[in-house]
Amino acid sequence: MKVGDMVKWNRQMVVVVEIYESKCWRTSDGPGAVNWVKIPNEPFARIYARNGVIGVPQIDLEVIKNVK
C-alpha cells in the first residue's frame, strides 16, 4: 500500500494520502486498563473519505486493483 492508492474501506472507495505507524488498542483483546507501552506499533494509512481525512489501520483496508 502506498500514497495515492485507491482502497476499499467500509464499502467506500477512498484514496490513501499518508502512510504511518501508530498504536491501536483492539477492544476484542479484552477489557481493562490499556498499557500503551506493551501495545506494538502497526501500519496505518490516512485516507480521504466522505467525512474528511481519517487514520485507519491498514489491516482494515483493501487495495483496489485496476482502477480506471
PDB file of N, CA and C in Angstrom:
ATOM      1  N   MET A   1       0.854  -1.171   0.000  1.00  0.00           N
ATOM      2  CA  MET A   1       0.000   0.000   0.000  1.00  0.00           C
ATOM      3  C   MET A   1       0.897   1.230   0.000  1.00  0.00           C
ATOM      4  N   LYS A   2       0.495   2.223  -0.814  1.00  0.00           N
ATOM      5  CA  LYS A   2       1.290   3.440  -0.896  1.00  0.00           C
ATOM      6  C   LYS A   2       0.371   4.651  -1.083  1.00  0.00           C
ATOM      7  N   VAL A   3       0.936   5.825  -0.893  1.00  0.00           N
ATOM      8  CA  VAL A   3       0.184   7.060  -1.077  1.00  0.00           C
ATOM      9  C   VAL A   3      -0.330   7.110  -2.513  1.00  0.00           C
ATOM     10  N   GLY A   4      -1.591   7.477  -2.673  1.00  0.00           N
ATOM     11  CA  GLY A   4      -2.207   7.559  -3.986  1.00  0.00           C
ATOM     12  C   GLY A   4      -3.015   6.335  -4.362  1.00  0.00           C
ATOM     13  N   ASP A   5      -2.854   5.227  -3.630  1.00  0.00           N
ATOM     14  CA  ASP A   5      -3.628   4.015  -3.916  1.00  0.00           C
ATOM     15  C   ASP A   5      -5.105   4.241  -3.621  1.00  0.00           C
ATOM     16  N   MET A   6      -5.948   3.665  -4.449  1.00  0.00           N
ATOM     17  CA  MET A   6      -7.381   3.609  -4.171  1.00  0.00           C
ATOM     18  C   MET A   6      -7.613   2.344  -3.350  1.00  0.00           C
ATOM     19  N   VAL A   7      -8.349   2.479  -2.251  1.00  0.00           N
ATOM     20  CA  VAL A   7      -8.612   1.343  -1.374  1.00  0.00           C
ATOM     21  C   VAL A   7     -10.085   1.298  -1.012  1.00  0.00           C
ATOM     22  N   LYS A   8     -10.511   0.136  -0.556  1.00  0.00           N
ATOM     23  CA  LYS A   8     -11.889  -0.024  -0.107  1.00  0.00           C
ATOM     24  C   LYS A   8     -11.878  -0.023   1.417  1.00  0.00           C
ATOM     25  N   TRP A   9     -12.778   0.791   1.989  1.00  0.00           N
ATOM     26  CA  TRP A   9     -12.930   0.883   3.447  1.00  0.00           C
ATOM     27  C   TRP A   9     -14.407   1.115   3.743  1.00  0.00           C
ATOM     28  N   ASN A  10     -14.986   0.247   4.548  1.00  0.00           N
ATOM     29  CA  ASN A  10     -16.416   0.360   4.899  1.00  0.00           C
ATOM     30  C   ASN A  10     -17.297   0.518   3.657  1.00  0.00           C
ATOM     31  N   ARG A  11     -17.057  -0.287   2.667  1.00  0.00           N
ATOM     32  CA  ARG A  11     -17.816  -0.298   1.404  1.00  0.00           C
ATOM     33  C   ARG A  11     -17.702   1.013   0.625  1.00  0.00           C
ATOM     34  N   GLN A  12     -16.662   1.797   0.905  1.00  0.00           N
ATOM     35  CA  GLN A  12     -16.407   3.048   0.181  1.00  0.00           C
ATOM     36  C   GLN A  12     -15.080   2.929  -0.558  1.00  0.00           C
ATOM     37  N   MET A  13     -14.980   3.565  -1.713  1.00  0.00           N
ATOM     38  CA  MET A  13     -13.706   3.710  -2.389  1.00  0.00           C
ATOM     39  C   MET A  13     -13.086   5.007  -1.889  1.00  0.00           C
ATOM     40  N   VAL A  14     -11.877   4.909  -1.336  1.00  0.00           N
ATOM     41  CA  VAL A  14     -11.194   6.077  -0.774  1.00  0.00           C
ATOM     42  C   VAL A  14      -9.757   6.093  -1.286  1.00  0.00           C
ATOM     43  N   VAL A  15      -9.054   7.193  -1.055  1.00  0.00           N
ATOM     44  CA  VAL A  15      -7.673   7.308  -1.506  1.00  0.00           C
ATOM     45  C   VAL A  15      -6.743   7.476  -0.301  1.00  0.00           C
ATOM     46  N   VAL A  16      -5.573   6.842  -0.373  1.00  0.00           N
ATOM     47  CA  VAL A  16      -4.562   6.927   0.684  1.00  0.00           C
ATOM     48  C   VAL A  16      -3.769   8.215   0.490  1.00  0.00           C
ATOM     49  N   VAL A  17      -3.679   9.030   1.548  1.00  0.00           N
ATOM     50  CA  VAL A  17      -2.944  10.286   1.461  1.00  0.00           C
ATOM     51  C   VAL A  17      -1.676  10.301   2.315  1.00  0.00           C
ATOM     52  N   GLU A  18      -1.537   9.330   3.216  1.00  0.00           N
ATOM     53  CA  GLU A  18      -0.338   9.255   4.055  1.00  0.00           C
ATOM     54  C   GLU A  18      -0.221   7.852   4.635  1.00  0.00           C
ATOM     55  N   ILE A  19       1.018   7.394   4.808  1.00  0.00           N
ATOM     56  CA  ILE A  19       1.304   6.112   5.449  1.00  0.00           C
ATOM     57  C   ILE A  19       2.114   6.413   6.710  1.00  0.00           C
ATOM     58  N   TYR A  20       1.766   5.769   7.812  1.00  0.00           N
ATOM     59  CA  TYR A  20       2.492   5.992   9.060  1.00  0.00           C
ATOM     60  C   TYR A  20       2.271   4.798   9.995  1.00  0.00           C
ATOM     61  N   GLU A  21       2.890   4.812  11.156  1.00  0.00           N
ATOM     62  CA  GLU A  21       2.683   3.779  12.171  1.00  0.00           C
ATOM     63  C   GLU A  21       2.068   4.405  13.405  1.00  0.00           C
ATOM     64  N   SER A  22       1.205   3.635  14.065  1.00  0.00           N
ATOM     65  CA  SER A  22       0.560   4.109  15.275  1.00  0.00           C
ATOM     66  C   SER A  22       0.161   2.908  16.118  1.00  0.00           C
ATOM     67  N   LYS A  23      -0.292   3.180  17.303  1.00  0.00           N
ATOM     68  CA  LYS A  23      -0.775   2.119  18.186  1.00  0.00           C
ATOM     69  C   LYS A  23      -2.290   2.055  18.102  1.00  0.00           C
ATOM     70  N   CYS A  24      -2.813   0.855  18.267  1.00  0.00           N
ATOM     71  CA  CYS A  24      -4.253   0.658  18.199  1.00  0.00           C
ATOM     72  C   CYS A  24      -4.643  -0.378  19.242  1.00  0.00           C
ATOM     73  N   TRP A  25      -5.506  -0.009  20.157  1.00  0.00           N
ATOM     74  CA  TRP A  25      -5.981  -0.959  21.156  1.00  0.00           C
ATOM     75  C   TRP A  25      -7.261  -1.585  20.642  1.00  0.00           C
ATOM     76  N   ARG A  26      -7.229  -2.871  20.463  1.00  0.00           N
ATOM     77  CA  ARG A  26      -8.387  -3.615  19.965  1.00  0.00           C
ATOM     78  C   ARG A  26      -9.232  -4.047  21.153  1.00  0.00           C
ATOM     79  N   THR A  27     -10.457  -3.576  21.220  1.00  0.00           N
ATOM     80  CA  THR A  27     -11.324  -3.899  22.352  1.00  0.00           C
ATOM     81  C   THR A  27     -11.637  -5.383  22.415  1.00  0.00           C
ATOM     82  N   SER A  28     -11.498  -6.088  21.300  1.00  0.00           N
ATOM     83  CA  SER A  28     -11.743  -7.535  21.305  1.00  0.00           C
ATOM     84  C   SER A  28     -10.646  -8.295  22.038  1.00  0.00           C
ATOM     85  N   ASP A  29      -9.508  -7.638  22.300  1.00  0.00           N
ATOM     86  CA  ASP A  29      -8.407  -8.287  23.018  1.00  0.00           C
ATOM     87  C   ASP A  29      -8.682  -8.397  24.511  1.00  0.00           C
ATOM     88  N   GLY A  30      -9.730  -7.771  24.983  1.00  0.00           N
ATOM     89  CA  GLY A  30     -10.077  -7.891  26.389  1.00  0.00           C
ATOM     90  C   GLY A  30     -10.300  -6.547  27.045  1.00  0.00           C
ATOM     91  N   PRO A  31     -11.096  -6.546  28.091  1.00  0.00           N
ATOM     92  CA  PRO A  31     -11.374  -5.303  28.813  1.00  0.00           C
ATOM     93  C   PRO A  31     -10.226  -4.951  29.757  1.00  0.00           C
ATOM     94  N   GLY A  32     -10.393  -3.850  30.423  1.00  0.00           N
ATOM     95  CA  GLY A  32      -9.414  -3.468  31.440  1.00  0.00           C
ATOM     96  C   GLY A  32      -8.601  -2.266  31.009  1.00  0.00           C
ATOM     97  N   ALA A  33      -7.636  -1.944  31.850  1.00  0.00           N
ATOM     98  CA  ALA A  33      -6.776  -0.801  31.594  1.00  0.00           C
ATOM     99  C   ALA A  33      -5.867  -1.075  30.398  1.00  0.00           C
ATOM    100  N   VAL A  34      -5.574  -0.035  29.655  1.00  0.00           N
ATOM    101  CA  VAL A  34      -4.716  -0.145  28.482  1.00  0.00           C
ATOM    102  C   VAL A  34      -3.296   0.214  28.875  1.00  0.00           C
ATOM    103  N   ASN A  35      -2.354  -0.687  28.584  1.00  0.00           N
ATOM    104  CA  ASN A  35      -0.945  -0.402  28.815  1.00  0.00           C
ATOM    105  C   ASN A  35      -0.330  -0.093  27.449  1.00  0.00           C
ATOM    106  N   TRP A  36      -0.265   1.193  27.082  1.00  0.00           N
ATOM    107  CA  TRP A  36       0.192   1.603  25.757  1.00  0.00           C
ATOM    108  C   TRP A  36       1.631   1.210  25.490  1.00  0.00           C
ATOM    109  N   VAL A  37       2.430   1.033  26.538  1.00  0.00           N
ATOM    110  CA  VAL A  37       3.828   0.645  26.352  1.00  0.00           C
ATOM    111  C   VAL A  37       3.916  -0.758  25.750  1.00  0.00           C
ATOM    112  N   LYS A  38       3.005  -1.641  26.127  1.00  0.00           N
ATOM    113  CA  LYS A  38       3.043  -3.028  25.645  1.00  0.00           C
ATOM    114  C   LYS A  38       2.376  -3.219  24.282  1.00  0.00           C
ATOM    115  N   ILE A  39       1.657  -2.227  23.804  1.00  0.00           N
ATOM    116  CA  ILE A  39       0.987  -2.346  22.509  1.00  0.00           C
ATOM    117  C   ILE A  39       1.978  -1.948  21.415  1.00  0.00           C
ATOM    118  N   PRO A  40       2.236  -2.856  20.446  1.00  0.00           N
ATOM    119  CA  PRO A  40       3.194  -2.532  19.385  1.00  0.00           C
ATOM    120  C   PRO A  40       2.587  -1.588  18.340  1.00  0.00           C
ATOM    121  N   ASN A  41       3.457  -0.837  17.669  1.00  0.00           N
ATOM    122  CA  ASN A  41       3.003  -0.017  16.545  1.00  0.00           C
ATOM    123  C   ASN A  41       2.567  -0.927  15.410  1.00  0.00           C
ATOM    124  N   GLU A  42       1.635  -0.453  14.600  1.00  0.00           N
ATOM    125  CA  GLU A  42       1.217  -1.187  13.417  1.00  0.00           C
ATOM    126  C   GLU A  42       1.025  -0.197  12.273  1.00  0.00           C
ATOM    127  N   PRO A  43       1.049  -0.686  11.036  1.00  0.00           N
ATOM    128  CA  PRO A  43       0.901   0.217   9.896  1.00  0.00           C
ATOM    129  C   PRO A  43      -0.491   0.824   9.815  1.00  0.00           C
ATOM    130  N   PHE A  44      -0.536   2.119   9.611  1.00  0.00           N
ATOM    131  CA  PHE A  44      -1.779   2.874   9.450  1.00  0.00           C
ATOM    132  C   PHE A  44      -1.734   3.603   8.113  1.00  0.00           C
ATOM    133  N   ALA A  45      -2.891   4.018   7.654  1.00  0.00           N
ATOM    134  CA  ALA A  45      -2.986   4.875   6.468  1.00  0.00           C
ATOM    135  C   ALA A  45      -3.968   5.986   6.773  1.00  0.00           C
ATOM    136  N   ARG A  46      -3.603   7.185   6.371  1.00  0.00           N
ATOM    137  CA  ARG A  46      -4.533   8.297   6.454  1.00  0.00           C
ATOM    138  C   ARG A  46      -5.253   8.315   5.115  1.00  0.00           C
ATOM    139  N   ILE A  47      -6.584   8.296   5.165  1.00  0.00           N
ATOM    140  CA  ILE A  47      -7.373   8.202   3.942  1.00  0.00           C
ATOM    141  C   ILE A  47      -8.295   9.406   3.809  1.00  0.00           C
ATOM    142  N   TYR A  48      -8.610   9.743   2.564  1.00  0.00           N
ATOM    143  CA  TYR A  48      -9.565  10.803   2.283  1.00  0.00           C
ATOM    144  C   TYR A  48     -10.894  10.125   1.987  1.00  0.00           C
ATOM    145  N   ALA A  49     -11.844  10.270   2.895  1.00  0.00           N
ATOM    146  CA  ALA A  49     -13.160   9.646   2.769  1.00  0.00           C
ATOM    147  C   ALA A  49     -14.232  10.736   2.755  1.00  0.00           C
ATOM    148  N   ARG A  50     -15.471  10.325   2.706  1.00  0.00           N
ATOM    149  CA  ARG A  50     -16.592  11.277   2.666  1.00  0.00           C
ATOM    150  C   ARG A  50     -16.593  12.236   3.851  1.00  0.00           C
ATOM    151  N   ASN A  51     -16.187  11.740   5.009  1.00  0.00           N
ATOM    152  CA  ASN A  51     -16.228  12.548   6.235  1.00  0.00           C
ATOM    153  C   ASN A  51     -14.956  13.344   6.455  1.00  0.00           C
ATOM    154  N   GLY A  52     -14.045  13.342   5.495  1.00  0.00           N
ATOM    155  CA  GLY A  52     -12.786  14.060   5.643  1.00  0.00           C
ATOM    156  C   GLY A  52     -11.615  13.101   5.668  1.00  0.00           C
ATOM    157  N   VAL A  53     -10.512  13.552   6.244  1.00  0.00           N
ATOM    158  CA  VAL A  53      -9.294  12.745   6.313  1.00  0.00           C
ATOM    159  C   VAL A  53      -9.241  12.069   7.679  1.00  0.00           C
ATOM    160  N   ILE A  54      -9.101  10.732   7.657  1.00  0.00           N
ATOM    161  CA  ILE A  54      -9.037   9.976   8.910  1.00  0.00           C
ATOM    162  C   ILE A  54      -7.934   8.934   8.828  1.00  0.00           C
ATOM    163  N   GLY A  55      -7.451   8.490   9.978  1.00  0.00           N
ATOM    164  CA  GLY A  55      -6.435   7.454  10.035  1.00  0.00           C
ATOM    165  C   GLY A  55      -7.058   6.125  10.425  1.00  0.00           C
ATOM    166  N   VAL A  56      -6.699   5.073   9.701  1.00  0.00           N
ATOM    167  CA  VAL A  56      -7.219   3.738   9.994  1.00  0.00           C
ATOM    168  C   VAL A  56      -6.089   2.716   9.865  1.00  0.00           C
ATOM    169  N   PRO A  57      -6.178   1.604  10.608  1.00  0.00           N
ATOM    170  CA  PRO A  57      -5.182   0.550  10.445  1.00  0.00           C
ATOM    171  C   PRO A  57      -5.229  -0.007   9.018  1.00  0.00           C
ATOM    172  N   GLN A  58      -4.061  -0.267   8.446  1.00  0.00           N
ATOM    173  CA  GLN A  58      -4.017  -0.790   7.086  1.00  0.00           C
ATOM    174  C   GLN A  58      -4.697  -2.150   6.960  1.00  0.00           C
ATOM    175  N   ILE A  59      -4.759  -2.908   8.041  1.00  0.00           N
ATOM    176  CA  ILE A  59      -5.410  -4.210   8.002  1.00  0.00           C
ATOM    177  C   ILE A  59      -6.897  -4.082   7.669  1.00  0.00           C
ATOM    178  N   ASP A  60      -7.475  -2.907   7.905  1.00  0.00           N
ATOM    179  CA  ASP A  60      -8.895  -2.662   7.619  1.00  0.00           C
ATOM    180  C   ASP A  60      -9.141  -2.167   6.196  1.00  0.00           C
ATOM    181  N   LEU A  61      -8.071  -2.073   5.380  1.00  0.00           N
ATOM    182  CA  LEU A  61      -8.194  -1.551   4.028  1.00  0.00           C
ATOM    183  C   LEU A  61      -7.886  -2.644   3.006  1.00  0.00           C
ATOM    184  N   GLU A  62      -8.512  -2.536   1.841  1.00  0.00           N
ATOM    185  CA  GLU A  62      -8.253  -3.461   0.741  1.00  0.00           C
ATOM    186  C   GLU A  62      -7.886  -2.641  -0.494  1.00  0.00           C
ATOM    187  N   VAL A  63      -6.666  -2.871  -1.021  1.00  0.00           N
ATOM    188  CA  VAL A  63      -6.225  -2.144  -2.207  1.00  0.00           C
ATOM    189  C   VAL A  63      -7.076  -2.570  -3.388  1.00  0.00           C
ATOM    190  N   ILE A  64      -7.551  -1.593  -4.165  1.00  0.00           N
ATOM    191  CA  ILE A  64      -8.358  -1.862  -5.351  1.00  0.00           C
ATOM    192  C   ILE A  64      -7.427  -1.912  -6.551  1.00  0.00           C
ATOM    193  N   LYS A  65      -7.440  -3.015  -7.253  1.00  0.00           N
ATOM    194  CA  LYS A  65      -6.595  -3.193  -8.433  1.00  0.00           C
ATOM    195  C   LYS A  65      -7.314  -2.728  -9.686  1.00  0.00           C
ATOM    196  N   ASN A  66      -6.570  -2.275 -10.661  1.00  0.00           N
ATOM    197  CA  ASN A  66      -7.090  -1.922 -11.990  1.00  0.00           C
ATOM    198  C   ASN A  66      -8.191  -0.880 -11.955  1.00  0.00           C
ATOM    199  N   VAL A  67      -7.989   0.201 -11.211  1.00  0.00           N
ATOM    200  CA  VAL A  67      -8.970   1.295 -11.181  1.00  0.00           C
ATOM    201  C   VAL A  67      -8.807   2.089 -12.477  1.00  0.00           C
ATOM    202  N   LYS A  68      -9.922   2.313 -13.200  1.00  0.00           N
ATOM    203  CA  LYS A  68      -9.850   3.055 -14.461  1.00  0.00           C
ATOM    204  C   LYS A  68     -10.632   4.336 -14.364  1.00  0.00           C
TER     205      LYS A  68
END
